[in-house]
Amino acid sequence: MQVDRIIDVGTVDEPEFEVVILRHMKTGRDLWPNLSGCLGWLEHDEPEECTDEEQELIDSAVQSFRDWSDISGDIEFSRSSVRDAQRSITSILEELAEKGFALYSATKDDYPLTGGPSPILGTVAIFRITRADLTAPTSS
C-alpha cells in the first residue's frame, strides 16, 4: 500500500497542447494587428532547401516585420503612419508571393516571456513562410 501511495503521488499529468490557427496574410492590413499587438516572437518557420537569394528575401522580410512591430507603439497614434506601414508590409508580401512564397501568421496570448515561478506573460507573434502552391485557384 505504501508503494502504491508513492507511485500515485509521483504521477505527472500530460502536458497540455494548444492549437494556434495560422491565417494566410496577403496584405499589410491583414498582418498589422499581429505586429502591433505583440511583445515577442516565436522562432519563425520557413521552407527547407532555400537558395541563397530566397534565404535573403525571407530573412529581410522577417526582419522588416520585427522592425515594424518594434516601432508600432510609436506610430499607432498616427493613422497615416499606420497606413504607410501597412503599404510597406503589403509590398514585402507581394515580393514574397512573386518568388513563390506565402506567409501565415497568428498571435499567441499569455505566452511566458520570462522564466521562473512568476513569469511575465504577453502576446507573441508566430510566422510560417511556405512555398505557395501556384497551381491552386486563387480567389479575389
C-alpha atoms as a PDB file:
ATOM      1  CA  MET A   1       0.000   0.000   0.000  1.00  0.00           C
ATOM      2  CA  GLN A   2       2.812   2.423   0.787  1.00  0.00           C
ATOM      3  CA  VAL A   3       4.398   1.801  -2.626  1.00  0.00           C
ATOM      4  CA  ASP A   4       1.048   2.414  -4.346  1.00  0.00           C
ATOM      5  CA  ARG A   5       0.666   5.722  -2.497  1.00  0.00           C
ATOM      6  CA  ILE A   6       4.154   6.849  -3.509  1.00  0.00           C
ATOM      7  CA  ILE A   7       3.528   5.941  -7.125  1.00  0.00           C
ATOM      8  CA  ASP A   8       0.189   7.765  -7.097  1.00  0.00           C
ATOM      9  CA  VAL A   9       1.800  10.890  -5.665  1.00  0.00           C
ATOM     10  CA  GLY A  10       4.590  10.733  -8.220  1.00  0.00           C
ATOM     11  CA  THR A  11       2.384  10.739 -11.322  1.00  0.00           C
ATOM     12  CA  VAL A  12       2.548  13.694 -13.668  1.00  0.00           C
ATOM     13  CA  ASP A  13      -0.295  14.942 -15.809  1.00  0.00           C
ATOM     14  CA  GLU A  14       0.245  15.030 -19.562  1.00  0.00           C
ATOM     15  CA  PRO A  15       1.271  18.482 -20.794  1.00  0.00           C
ATOM     16  CA  GLU A  16      -1.468  20.488 -22.425  1.00  0.00           C
ATOM     17  CA  PHE A  17      -1.045  21.442 -26.048  1.00  0.00           C
ATOM     18  CA  GLU A  18      -2.755  24.416 -27.588  1.00  0.00           C
ATOM     19  CA  VAL A  19      -3.519  24.719 -31.269  1.00  0.00           C
ATOM     20  CA  VAL A  20      -2.989  28.124 -32.859  1.00  0.00           C
ATOM     21  CA  ILE A  21      -4.660  28.671 -36.225  1.00  0.00           C
ATOM     22  CA  LEU A  22      -2.400  30.486 -38.675  1.00  0.00           C
ATOM     23  CA  ARG A  23      -4.037  32.727 -41.290  1.00  0.00           C
ATOM     24  CA  HIS A  24      -2.706  33.486 -44.755  1.00  0.00           C
ATOM     25  CA  MET A  25      -1.517  37.097 -44.709  1.00  0.00           C
ATOM     26  CA  LYS A  26      -2.000  38.748 -48.080  1.00  0.00           C
ATOM     27  CA  THR A  27      -1.774  42.429 -47.163  1.00  0.00           C
ATOM     28  CA  GLY A  28      -0.182  44.673 -44.594  1.00  0.00           C
ATOM     29  CA  ARG A  29      -3.644  45.382 -43.279  1.00  0.00           C
ATOM     30  CA  ASP A  30      -4.052  41.644 -42.541  1.00  0.00           C
ATOM     31  CA  LEU A  31      -0.696  41.399 -40.764  1.00  0.00           C
ATOM     32  CA  TRP A  32      -0.669  44.712 -38.876  1.00  0.00           C
ATOM     33  CA  PRO A  33      -2.788  43.564 -35.879  1.00  0.00           C
ATOM     34  CA  ASN A  34      -0.313  40.710 -35.274  1.00  0.00           C
ATOM     35  CA  LEU A  35       2.675  43.046 -35.478  1.00  0.00           C
ATOM     36  CA  SER A  36       1.272  45.894 -33.411  1.00  0.00           C
ATOM     37  CA  GLY A  37      -0.097  43.692 -30.663  1.00  0.00           C
ATOM     38  CA  CYS A  38       2.903  41.511 -29.843  1.00  0.00           C
ATOM     39  CA  LEU A  39       5.642  41.775 -27.243  1.00  0.00           C
ATOM     40  CA  GLY A  40       7.817  38.972 -28.580  1.00  0.00           C
ATOM     41  CA  TRP A  41       8.402  36.469 -31.351  1.00  0.00           C
ATOM     42  CA  LEU A  42       8.427  32.737 -31.611  1.00  0.00           C
ATOM     43  CA  GLU A  43      11.101  31.423 -33.956  1.00  0.00           C
ATOM     44  CA  HIS A  44       9.733  31.642 -37.487  1.00  0.00           C
ATOM     45  CA  ASP A  45       9.316  28.555 -39.637  1.00  0.00           C
ATOM     46  CA  GLU A  46      10.458  28.556 -43.252  1.00  0.00           C
ATOM     47  CA  PRO A  47      10.888  26.080 -46.114  1.00  0.00           C
ATOM     48  CA  GLU A  48      13.964  23.894 -46.230  1.00  0.00           C
ATOM     49  CA  GLU A  49      16.414  23.939 -49.116  1.00  0.00           C
ATOM     50  CA  CYS A  50      16.127  27.625 -49.983  1.00  0.00           C
ATOM     51  CA  THR A  51      18.579  29.195 -52.393  1.00  0.00           C
ATOM     52  CA  ASP A  52      20.798  31.989 -51.051  1.00  0.00           C
ATOM     53  CA  GLU A  53      18.584  34.532 -52.828  1.00  0.00           C
ATOM     54  CA  GLU A  54      15.409  33.040 -51.309  1.00  0.00           C
ATOM     55  CA  GLN A  55      17.000  32.938 -47.852  1.00  0.00           C
ATOM     56  CA  GLU A  56      17.992  36.599 -48.087  1.00  0.00           C
ATOM     57  CA  LEU A  57      14.446  37.531 -49.132  1.00  0.00           C
ATOM     58  CA  ILE A  58      12.916  35.596 -46.223  1.00  0.00           C
ATOM     59  CA  ASP A  59      15.415  36.975 -43.695  1.00  0.00           C
ATOM     60  CA  SER A  60      14.820  40.526 -44.938  1.00  0.00           C
ATOM     61  CA  ALA A  61      11.033  40.102 -44.761  1.00  0.00           C
ATOM     62  CA  VAL A  62      11.074  38.692 -41.231  1.00  0.00           C
ATOM     63  CA  GLN A  63      13.453  41.429 -40.058  1.00  0.00           C
ATOM     64  CA  SER A  64      11.168  44.092 -41.579  1.00  0.00           C
ATOM     65  CA  PHE A  65       8.156  42.603 -39.784  1.00  0.00           C
ATOM     66  CA  ARG A  66      10.065  42.682 -36.486  1.00  0.00           C
ATOM     67  CA  ASP A  67      11.203  46.261 -37.113  1.00  0.00           C
ATOM     68  CA  TRP A  68       7.632  47.400 -37.816  1.00  0.00           C
ATOM     69  CA  SER A  69       6.477  45.619 -34.681  1.00  0.00           C
ATOM     70  CA  ASP A  70       9.179  47.301 -32.590  1.00  0.00           C
ATOM     71  CA  ILE A  71       8.069  50.796 -33.644  1.00  0.00           C
ATOM     72  CA  SER A  72       4.341  50.063 -33.866  1.00  0.00           C
ATOM     73  CA  GLY A  73       3.672  51.609 -30.456  1.00  0.00           C
ATOM     74  CA  ASP A  74       5.319  54.841 -31.601  1.00  0.00           C
ATOM     75  CA  ILE A  75       3.234  55.196 -34.768  1.00  0.00           C
ATOM     76  CA  GLU A  76      -0.160  53.878 -33.642  1.00  0.00           C
ATOM     77  CA  PHE A  77      -1.288  57.417 -32.828  1.00  0.00           C
ATOM     78  CA  SER A  78      -0.970  58.427 -36.491  1.00  0.00           C
ATOM     79  CA  ARG A  79      -3.416  56.832 -38.890  1.00  0.00           C
ATOM     80  CA  SER A  80      -1.315  57.909 -41.889  1.00  0.00           C
ATOM     81  CA  SER A  81       1.823  56.334 -40.379  1.00  0.00           C
ATOM     82  CA  VAL A  82      -0.022  53.062 -39.838  1.00  0.00           C
ATOM     83  CA  ARG A  83      -1.239  53.156 -43.462  1.00  0.00           C
ATOM     84  CA  ASP A  84       2.340  53.762 -44.649  1.00  0.00           C
ATOM     85  CA  ALA A  85       3.493  50.787 -42.585  1.00  0.00           C
ATOM     86  CA  GLN A  86       0.713  48.611 -43.988  1.00  0.00           C
ATOM     87  CA  ARG A  87       1.614  49.604 -47.569  1.00  0.00           C
ATOM     88  CA  SER A  88       5.257  48.758 -46.936  1.00  0.00           C
ATOM     89  CA  ILE A  89       4.288  45.371 -45.482  1.00  0.00           C
ATOM     90  CA  THR A  90       1.989  44.695 -48.453  1.00  0.00           C
ATOM     91  CA  SER A  91       4.926  45.373 -50.764  1.00  0.00           C
ATOM     92  CA  ILE A  92       7.050  42.819 -48.863  1.00  0.00           C
ATOM     93  CA  LEU A  93       4.252  40.236 -49.003  1.00  0.00           C
ATOM     94  CA  GLU A  94       3.851  40.831 -52.751  1.00  0.00           C
ATOM     95  CA  GLU A  95       7.586  40.293 -53.261  1.00  0.00           C
ATOM     96  CA  LEU A  96       7.391  37.028 -51.311  1.00  0.00           C
ATOM     97  CA  ALA A  97       4.414  35.959 -53.453  1.00  0.00           C
ATOM     98  CA  GLU A  98       6.287  36.826 -56.671  1.00  0.00           C
ATOM     99  CA  LYS A  99       9.067  34.460 -55.558  1.00  0.00           C
ATOM    100  CA  GLY A 100       6.529  31.708 -54.813  1.00  0.00           C
ATOM    101  CA  PHE A 101       6.164  32.113 -51.035  1.00  0.00           C
ATOM    102  CA  ALA A 102       3.157  32.663 -48.758  1.00  0.00           C
ATOM    103  CA  LEU A 103       3.140  33.997 -45.198  1.00  0.00           C
ATOM    104  CA  TYR A 104       0.909  32.557 -42.493  1.00  0.00           C
ATOM    105  CA  SER A 105       0.729  34.240 -39.109  1.00  0.00           C
ATOM    106  CA  ALA A 106      -1.079  34.376 -35.796  1.00  0.00           C
ATOM    107  CA  THR A 107      -0.547  35.555 -32.253  1.00  0.00           C
ATOM    108  CA  LYS A 108      -0.447  33.593 -29.022  1.00  0.00           C
ATOM    109  CA  ASP A 109      -1.685  35.333 -25.871  1.00  0.00           C
ATOM    110  CA  ASP A 110      -0.398  34.703 -22.343  1.00  0.00           C
ATOM    111  CA  TYR A 111       2.927  33.319 -23.528  1.00  0.00           C
ATOM    112  CA  PRO A 112       5.639  33.307 -20.828  1.00  0.00           C
ATOM    113  CA  LEU A 113       8.147  35.984 -21.845  1.00  0.00           C
ATOM    114  CA  THR A 114      10.345  35.299 -18.810  1.00  0.00           C
ATOM    115  CA  GLY A 115      11.051  32.159 -16.814  1.00  0.00           C
ATOM    116  CA  GLY A 116      10.709  31.451 -13.131  1.00  0.00           C
ATOM    117  CA  PRO A 117       7.802  30.811 -10.816  1.00  0.00           C
ATOM    118  CA  SER A 118       6.042  34.071 -11.763  1.00  0.00           C
ATOM    119  CA  PRO A 119       6.738  34.597 -15.472  1.00  0.00           C
ATOM    120  CA  ILE A 120       5.711  37.752 -17.269  1.00  0.00           C
ATOM    121  CA  LEU A 121       3.044  36.822 -19.815  1.00  0.00           C
ATOM    122  CA  GLY A 122       2.494  38.566 -23.111  1.00  0.00           C
ATOM    123  CA  THR A 123       1.369  38.219 -26.704  1.00  0.00           C
ATOM    124  CA  VAL A 124       3.841  36.782 -29.198  1.00  0.00           C
ATOM    125  CA  ALA A 125       3.680  36.613 -32.994  1.00  0.00           C
ATOM    126  CA  ILE A 126       4.076  33.393 -34.933  1.00  0.00           C
ATOM    127  CA  PHE A 127       5.215  33.282 -38.577  1.00  0.00           C
ATOM    128  CA  ARG A 128       5.332  30.473 -41.065  1.00  0.00           C
ATOM    129  CA  ILE A 129       6.619  31.042 -44.577  1.00  0.00           C
ATOM    130  CA  THR A 130       5.779  28.299 -47.045  1.00  0.00           C
ATOM    131  CA  ARG A 131       6.208  27.676 -50.711  1.00  0.00           C
ATOM    132  CA  ALA A 132       2.956  28.743 -52.350  1.00  0.00           C
ATOM    133  CA  ASP A 133       1.019  26.224 -54.423  1.00  0.00           C
ATOM    134  CA  LEU A 134       0.983  28.097 -57.703  1.00  0.00           C
ATOM    135  CA  THR A 135      -1.434  25.602 -59.266  1.00  0.00           C
ATOM    136  CA  ALA A 136      -4.198  26.242 -56.744  1.00  0.00           C
ATOM    137  CA  PRO A 137      -7.019  28.537 -57.883  1.00  0.00           C
ATOM    138  CA  THR A 138      -6.947  31.993 -56.327  1.00  0.00           C
ATOM    139  CA  SER A 139      -9.930  33.882 -55.012  1.00  0.00           C
ATOM    140  CA  SER A 140     -10.359  37.627 -55.033  1.00  0.00           C
END
